[in-house]
Amino acid sequence: MGTLTYDSTAIAFDDRLLLHLQIVIVNKLRRRESFAMSWRDAAETGDGRSAIWIDPSIPLFFKYDGSRVPTINREWLALLAESAGSSTGLIVCAEDGSPERAARFFDHERSHRGRTPAPY
């Protein structure tokens, strides 16, 4: 299970899915294109959907748990790239086109809001 960290938000995806997302996202950002990305939430965070606006000026980090590079499915890449170029933005989906859930979703900023800072 890998993690895509975008600004203060970390989203966990299967390594193979994450690699396909990385290729699509990097291709869009190389062209300095901003776009939306949405996914189904992990079961433990509810049955909703989440979305972020991906912009070239915001830090982005891909972390893979496995050491092997997964195989690439060009048809899946084309499906993801097509959605990234549409008005709906990049919709995270499985290889068969069905909605794909994030394994985890964690927003560092939201999780620390309202807490009293620890004394130094």
N, C-alpha and C. Protein backbone atom coordinates (compact mmCIF):
# COMPACT_ATOMS: atom_id res chain seq x y z
N MET A 1 0.85 -1.17 0.00
CA MET A 1 0.00 0.00 0.00
C MET A 1 0.89 1.23 0.00
N GLY A 2 0.80 2.03 -1.03
CA GLY A 2 1.58 3.25 -1.13
C GLY A 2 0.79 4.46 -0.69
N THR A 3 1.45 5.59 -0.67
CA THR A 3 0.80 6.82 -0.22
C THR A 3 1.10 7.97 -1.17
N LEU A 4 0.06 8.70 -1.52
CA LEU A 4 0.21 9.94 -2.26
C LEU A 4 0.02 11.05 -1.24
N THR A 5 1.04 11.86 -1.04
CA THR A 5 0.94 12.98 -0.10
C THR A 5 0.91 14.26 -0.91
N TYR A 6 -0.12 15.04 -0.69
CA TYR A 6 -0.35 16.28 -1.43
C TYR A 6 -0.55 17.38 -0.41
N ASP A 7 0.42 18.27 -0.30
CA ASP A 7 0.41 19.31 0.71
C ASP A 7 0.32 18.64 2.08
N SER A 8 -0.76 18.79 2.83
CA SER A 8 -0.87 18.17 4.15
C SER A 8 -1.80 16.96 4.16
N THR A 9 -2.17 16.48 2.98
CA THR A 9 -3.11 15.37 2.86
C THR A 9 -2.40 14.12 2.35
N ALA A 10 -2.59 13.01 3.05
CA ALA A 10 -2.03 11.73 2.62
C ALA A 10 -3.17 10.78 2.28
N ILE A 11 -3.06 10.16 1.09
CA ILE A 11 -4.07 9.22 0.64
C ILE A 11 -3.35 7.93 0.29
N ALA A 12 -3.80 6.82 0.85
CA ALA A 12 -3.16 5.53 0.60
C ALA A 12 -3.90 4.80 -0.52
N PHE A 13 -3.12 4.29 -1.46
CA PHE A 13 -3.64 3.50 -2.56
C PHE A 13 -2.75 2.28 -2.73
N ASP A 14 -3.29 1.25 -3.36
CA ASP A 14 -2.50 0.10 -3.74
C ASP A 14 -1.32 0.58 -4.61
N ASP A 15 -0.14 -0.02 -4.44
CA ASP A 15 1.05 0.40 -5.18
C ASP A 15 0.83 0.43 -6.70
N ARG A 16 0.15 -0.56 -7.23
CA ARG A 16 -0.05 -0.63 -8.68
C ARG A 16 -0.94 0.52 -9.16
N LEU A 17 -2.00 0.78 -8.42
CA LEU A 17 -2.87 1.91 -8.75
C LEU A 17 -2.08 3.21 -8.62
N LEU A 18 -1.31 3.34 -7.55
CA LEU A 18 -0.54 4.56 -7.32
C LEU A 18 0.42 4.84 -8.46
N LEU A 19 1.06 3.82 -8.99
CA LEU A 19 1.98 4.01 -10.12
C LEU A 19 1.23 4.56 -11.33
N HIS A 20 0.06 4.02 -11.62
CA HIS A 20 -0.72 4.52 -12.75
C HIS A 20 -1.16 5.97 -12.51
N LEU A 21 -1.56 6.27 -11.28
CA LEU A 21 -1.93 7.66 -10.95
C LEU A 21 -0.72 8.58 -11.11
N GLN A 22 0.45 8.13 -10.65
CA GLN A 22 1.66 8.95 -10.76
C GLN A 22 1.95 9.30 -12.22
N ILE A 23 1.86 8.34 -13.09
CA ILE A 23 2.15 8.60 -14.51
C ILE A 23 1.18 9.64 -15.07
N VAL A 24 -0.10 9.49 -14.79
CA VAL A 24 -1.10 10.43 -15.29
C VAL A 24 -0.89 11.82 -14.68
N ILE A 25 -0.70 11.87 -13.37
CA ILE A 25 -0.53 13.16 -12.68
C ILE A 25 0.73 13.88 -13.16
N VAL A 26 1.84 13.16 -13.24
CA VAL A 26 3.10 13.79 -13.67
C VAL A 26 2.98 14.31 -15.10
N ASN A 27 2.33 13.56 -15.99
CA ASN A 27 2.14 14.05 -17.35
C ASN A 27 1.33 15.34 -17.40
N LYS A 28 0.29 15.43 -16.57
CA LYS A 28 -0.50 16.67 -16.52
C LYS A 28 0.33 17.83 -15.95
N LEU A 29 1.06 17.57 -14.88
CA LEU A 29 1.83 18.63 -14.23
C LEU A 29 3.01 19.09 -15.09
N ARG A 30 3.58 18.19 -15.87
CA ARG A 30 4.66 18.58 -16.79
C ARG A 30 4.18 19.64 -17.77
N ARG A 31 2.90 19.57 -18.12
CA ARG A 31 2.30 20.55 -19.03
C ARG A 31 1.73 21.75 -18.27
N ARG A 32 2.02 21.80 -16.95
CA ARG A 32 1.56 22.89 -16.07
C ARG A 32 0.04 22.98 -16.04
N GLU A 33 -0.64 21.84 -16.10
CA GLU A 33 -2.10 21.79 -16.07
C GLU A 33 -2.58 21.43 -14.67
N SER A 34 -3.51 22.21 -14.15
CA SER A 34 -4.16 21.90 -12.88
C SER A 34 -5.42 21.10 -13.17
N PHE A 35 -5.86 20.29 -12.21
CA PHE A 35 -7.04 19.47 -12.43
C PHE A 35 -7.53 18.92 -11.09
N ALA A 36 -8.76 18.45 -11.08
CA ALA A 36 -9.33 17.82 -9.88
C ALA A 36 -9.04 16.32 -9.92
N MET A 37 -8.95 15.72 -8.74
CA MET A 37 -8.81 14.27 -8.62
C MET A 37 -9.77 13.83 -7.53
N SER A 38 -10.58 12.79 -7.80
CA SER A 38 -11.53 12.32 -6.80
C SER A 38 -11.46 10.80 -6.69
N TRP A 39 -11.89 10.30 -5.54
CA TRP A 39 -11.86 8.86 -5.24
C TRP A 39 -12.93 8.55 -4.22
N ARG A 40 -13.27 7.26 -4.12
CA ARG A 40 -14.17 6.81 -3.06
C ARG A 40 -13.37 6.70 -1.79
N ASP A 41 -13.96 7.09 -0.69
CA ASP A 41 -13.28 7.04 0.60
C ASP A 41 -13.13 5.61 1.10
N ALA A 42 -12.13 5.42 1.93
CA ALA A 42 -11.93 4.12 2.57
C ALA A 42 -13.14 3.80 3.44
N ALA A 43 -13.40 2.52 3.62
CA ALA A 43 -14.57 2.09 4.39
C ALA A 43 -14.58 2.68 5.80
N GLU A 44 -13.40 2.77 6.45
CA GLU A 44 -13.36 3.28 7.82
C GLU A 44 -13.61 4.78 7.93
N THR A 45 -13.56 5.50 6.80
CA THR A 45 -13.85 6.94 6.84
C THR A 45 -15.23 7.25 6.29
N GLY A 46 -16.03 6.22 6.04
CA GLY A 46 -17.38 6.43 5.53
C GLY A 46 -17.47 5.97 4.09
N ASP A 47 -18.63 6.13 3.52
CA ASP A 47 -18.85 5.65 2.16
C ASP A 47 -18.97 6.80 1.19
N GLY A 48 -18.30 7.90 1.49
CA GLY A 48 -18.40 9.08 0.64
C GLY A 48 -17.32 9.14 -0.42
N ARG A 49 -17.15 10.32 -0.94
CA ARG A 49 -16.11 10.59 -1.94
C ARG A 49 -15.32 11.79 -1.46
N SER A 50 -14.08 11.85 -1.89
CA SER A 50 -13.23 13.01 -1.59
C SER A 50 -12.62 13.50 -2.90
N ALA A 51 -12.23 14.75 -2.92
CA ALA A 51 -11.59 15.33 -4.10
C ALA A 51 -10.58 16.37 -3.67
N ILE A 52 -9.54 16.50 -4.47
CA ILE A 52 -8.54 17.55 -4.26
C ILE A 52 -8.29 18.24 -5.59
N TRP A 53 -7.81 19.46 -5.52
CA TRP A 53 -7.41 20.21 -6.71
C TRP A 53 -5.90 20.10 -6.81
N ILE A 54 -5.41 19.50 -7.88
CA ILE A 54 -3.98 19.30 -8.05
C ILE A 54 -3.42 20.43 -8.91
N ASP A 55 -2.43 21.11 -8.35
CA ASP A 55 -1.82 22.27 -8.99
C ASP A 55 -0.30 22.10 -8.96
N PRO A 56 0.39 22.49 -10.02
CA PRO A 56 1.85 22.32 -10.06
C PRO A 56 2.61 23.01 -8.94
N SER A 57 2.01 23.99 -8.29
CA SER A 57 2.72 24.74 -7.25
C SER A 57 2.66 24.09 -5.87
N ILE A 58 1.90 23.01 -5.73
CA ILE A 58 1.73 22.38 -4.42
C ILE A 58 2.58 21.10 -4.35
N PRO A 59 3.31 20.92 -3.25
CA PRO A 59 4.18 19.73 -3.13
C PRO A 59 3.40 18.42 -3.24
N LEU A 60 4.01 17.47 -3.92
CA LEU A 60 3.41 16.17 -4.18
C LEU A 60 4.47 15.11 -3.98
N PHE A 61 4.13 14.03 -3.26
CA PHE A 61 5.09 12.98 -2.95
C PHE A 61 4.43 11.62 -3.09
N PHE A 62 5.06 10.72 -3.83
CA PHE A 62 4.57 9.35 -4.01
C PHE A 62 5.50 8.43 -3.23
N LYS A 63 4.94 7.62 -2.33
CA LYS A 63 5.72 6.68 -1.52
C LYS A 63 5.13 5.29 -1.72
N TYR A 64 5.97 4.37 -2.17
CA TYR A 64 5.54 3.00 -2.42
C TYR A 64 6.03 2.10 -1.31
N ASP A 65 5.20 1.16 -0.89
CA ASP A 65 5.60 0.20 0.13
C ASP A 65 6.46 -0.91 -0.45
N GLY A 66 6.14 -1.35 -1.66
CA GLY A 66 6.87 -2.43 -2.29
C GLY A 66 8.10 -1.94 -3.02
N SER A 67 9.08 -2.82 -3.19
CA SER A 67 10.32 -2.44 -3.87
C SER A 67 10.27 -2.74 -5.37
N ARG A 68 9.33 -3.55 -5.81
CA ARG A 68 9.22 -3.89 -7.23
C ARG A 68 8.29 -2.92 -7.94
N VAL A 69 8.66 -2.57 -9.16
CA VAL A 69 7.81 -1.70 -9.96
C VAL A 69 6.71 -2.55 -10.58
N PRO A 70 5.45 -2.20 -10.33
CA PRO A 70 4.34 -2.97 -10.89
C PRO A 70 4.30 -2.87 -12.42
N THR A 71 3.64 -3.82 -13.06
CA THR A 71 3.47 -3.76 -14.50
C THR A 71 2.47 -2.65 -14.84
N ILE A 72 2.66 -2.09 -16.01
CA ILE A 72 1.80 -0.98 -16.44
C ILE A 72 0.78 -1.48 -17.46
N ASN A 73 -0.46 -1.10 -17.23
CA ASN A 73 -1.56 -1.43 -18.13
C ASN A 73 -1.87 -0.16 -18.93
N ARG A 74 -1.51 -0.17 -20.20
CA ARG A 74 -1.69 1.03 -21.05
C ARG A 74 -3.16 1.41 -21.23
N GLU A 75 -4.05 0.43 -21.25
CA GLU A 75 -5.48 0.74 -21.38
C GLU A 75 -5.99 1.45 -20.13
N TRP A 76 -5.52 1.01 -18.97
CA TRP A 76 -5.89 1.66 -17.70
C TRP A 76 -5.36 3.08 -17.67
N LEU A 77 -4.10 3.25 -18.12
CA LEU A 77 -3.51 4.60 -18.18
C LEU A 77 -4.36 5.50 -19.07
N ALA A 78 -4.77 4.99 -20.23
CA ALA A 78 -5.59 5.79 -21.15
C ALA A 78 -6.92 6.18 -20.52
N LEU A 79 -7.53 5.25 -19.79
CA LEU A 79 -8.79 5.53 -19.11
C LEU A 79 -8.61 6.63 -18.06
N LEU A 80 -7.56 6.52 -17.24
CA LEU A 80 -7.29 7.53 -16.21
C LEU A 80 -6.94 8.87 -16.83
N ALA A 81 -6.12 8.86 -17.89
CA ALA A 81 -5.72 10.11 -18.55
C ALA A 81 -6.92 10.80 -19.19
N GLU A 82 -7.81 10.01 -19.78
CA GLU A 82 -9.01 10.60 -20.39
C GLU A 82 -9.86 11.30 -19.34
N SER A 83 -10.02 10.68 -18.18
CA SER A 83 -10.83 11.33 -17.13
C SER A 83 -10.11 12.57 -16.60
N ALA A 84 -8.78 12.51 -16.50
CA ALA A 84 -8.03 13.68 -16.00
C ALA A 84 -8.19 14.88 -16.92
N GLY A 85 -8.39 14.64 -18.20
CA GLY A 85 -8.56 15.72 -19.16
C GLY A 85 -9.98 16.20 -19.31
N SER A 86 -10.91 15.56 -18.61
CA SER A 86 -12.33 15.93 -18.72
C SER A 86 -12.71 16.98 -17.67
N SER A 87 -13.93 17.47 -17.77
CA SER A 87 -14.41 18.47 -16.81
C SER A 87 -14.63 17.88 -15.42
N THR A 88 -14.76 16.56 -15.31
CA THR A 88 -14.91 15.93 -13.99
C THR A 88 -13.57 15.76 -13.29
N GLY A 89 -12.48 15.81 -14.04
CA GLY A 89 -11.16 15.60 -13.46
C GLY A 89 -10.83 14.12 -13.36
N LEU A 90 -9.68 13.83 -12.81
CA LEU A 90 -9.20 12.46 -12.67
C LEU A 90 -10.03 11.71 -11.64
N ILE A 91 -10.77 10.72 -12.11
CA ILE A 91 -11.57 9.89 -11.21
C ILE A 91 -10.82 8.58 -11.03
N VAL A 92 -10.41 8.31 -9.81
CA VAL A 92 -9.64 7.11 -9.51
C VAL A 92 -10.54 5.90 -9.71
N CYS A 93 -10.08 4.99 -10.57
CA CYS A 93 -10.88 3.80 -10.85
C CYS A 93 -9.98 2.57 -10.94
N ALA A 94 -10.60 1.41 -10.83
CA ALA A 94 -9.90 0.14 -10.98
C ALA A 94 -9.67 -0.11 -12.46
N GLU A 95 -8.93 -1.16 -12.76
CA GLU A 95 -8.61 -1.48 -14.16
C GLU A 95 -9.85 -1.71 -15.00
N ASP A 96 -10.92 -2.20 -14.40
CA ASP A 96 -12.14 -2.46 -15.16
C ASP A 96 -13.03 -1.22 -15.25
N GLY A 97 -12.57 -0.08 -14.72
CA GLY A 97 -13.33 1.16 -14.79
C GLY A 97 -14.25 1.39 -13.61
N SER A 98 -14.36 0.43 -12.70
CA SER A 98 -15.22 0.61 -11.53
C SER A 98 -14.54 1.54 -10.52
N PRO A 99 -15.32 2.25 -9.70
CA PRO A 99 -14.72 3.16 -8.72
C PRO A 99 -13.78 2.42 -7.78
N GLU A 100 -12.68 3.05 -7.46
CA GLU A 100 -11.67 2.45 -6.57
C GLU A 100 -11.63 3.25 -5.27
N ARG A 101 -11.57 2.54 -4.17
CA ARG A 101 -11.50 3.20 -2.86
C ARG A 101 -10.05 3.49 -2.48
N ALA A 102 -9.89 4.57 -1.76
CA ALA A 102 -8.60 4.82 -1.12
C ALA A 102 -8.54 3.87 0.07
N ALA A 103 -7.35 3.45 0.43
CA ALA A 103 -7.22 2.57 1.59
C ALA A 103 -7.30 3.39 2.87
N ARG A 104 -6.77 4.60 2.84
CA ARG A 104 -6.78 5.51 3.99
C ARG A 104 -6.78 6.93 3.48
N PHE A 105 -7.26 7.82 4.30
CA PHE A 105 -7.23 9.24 3.98
C PHE A 105 -6.92 9.97 5.27
N PHE A 106 -5.89 10.80 5.25
CA PHE A 106 -5.50 11.50 6.46
C PHE A 106 -5.11 12.92 6.12
N ASP A 107 -5.79 13.87 6.69
CA ASP A 107 -5.49 15.29 6.50
C ASP A 107 -4.82 15.79 7.76
N HIS A 108 -3.51 16.01 7.69
CA HIS A 108 -2.73 16.43 8.86
C HIS A 108 -3.26 17.74 9.45
N GLU A 109 -3.60 18.68 8.58
CA GLU A 109 -4.06 19.99 9.05
C GLU A 109 -5.36 19.87 9.83
N ARG A 110 -6.33 19.13 9.27
CA ARG A 110 -7.62 18.96 9.94
C ARG A 110 -7.48 18.20 11.25
N SER A 111 -6.59 17.24 11.30
CA SER A 111 -6.46 16.42 12.50
C SER A 111 -5.84 17.19 13.66
N HIS A 112 -5.16 18.30 13.38
CA HIS A 112 -4.51 19.07 14.44
C HIS A 112 -5.29 20.34 14.81
N ARG A 113 -6.34 20.65 14.06
CA ARG A 113 -7.14 21.83 14.35
C ARG A 113 -7.81 21.71 15.71
N GLY A 114 -7.78 22.76 16.47
CA GLY A 114 -8.46 22.78 17.75
C GLY A 114 -7.67 22.17 18.90
N ARG A 115 -6.51 21.64 18.61
CA ARG A 115 -5.69 21.06 19.68
C ARG A 115 -4.78 22.12 20.26
N THR A 116 -4.52 21.99 21.53
CA THR A 116 -3.59 22.89 22.18
C THR A 116 -2.17 22.42 21.89
N PRO A 117 -1.31 23.32 21.42
CA PRO A 117 0.06 22.91 21.13
C PRO A 117 0.76 22.37 22.38
N ALA A 118 1.60 21.40 22.18
CA ALA A 118 2.36 20.83 23.29
C ALA A 118 3.38 21.85 23.80
N PRO A 119 3.57 21.94 25.12
CA PRO A 119 4.56 22.89 25.65
C PRO A 119 5.97 22.44 25.28
N TYR A 120 6.87 23.40 25.12
CA TYR A 120 8.27 23.09 24.77
C TYR A 120 9.12 22.97 25.98
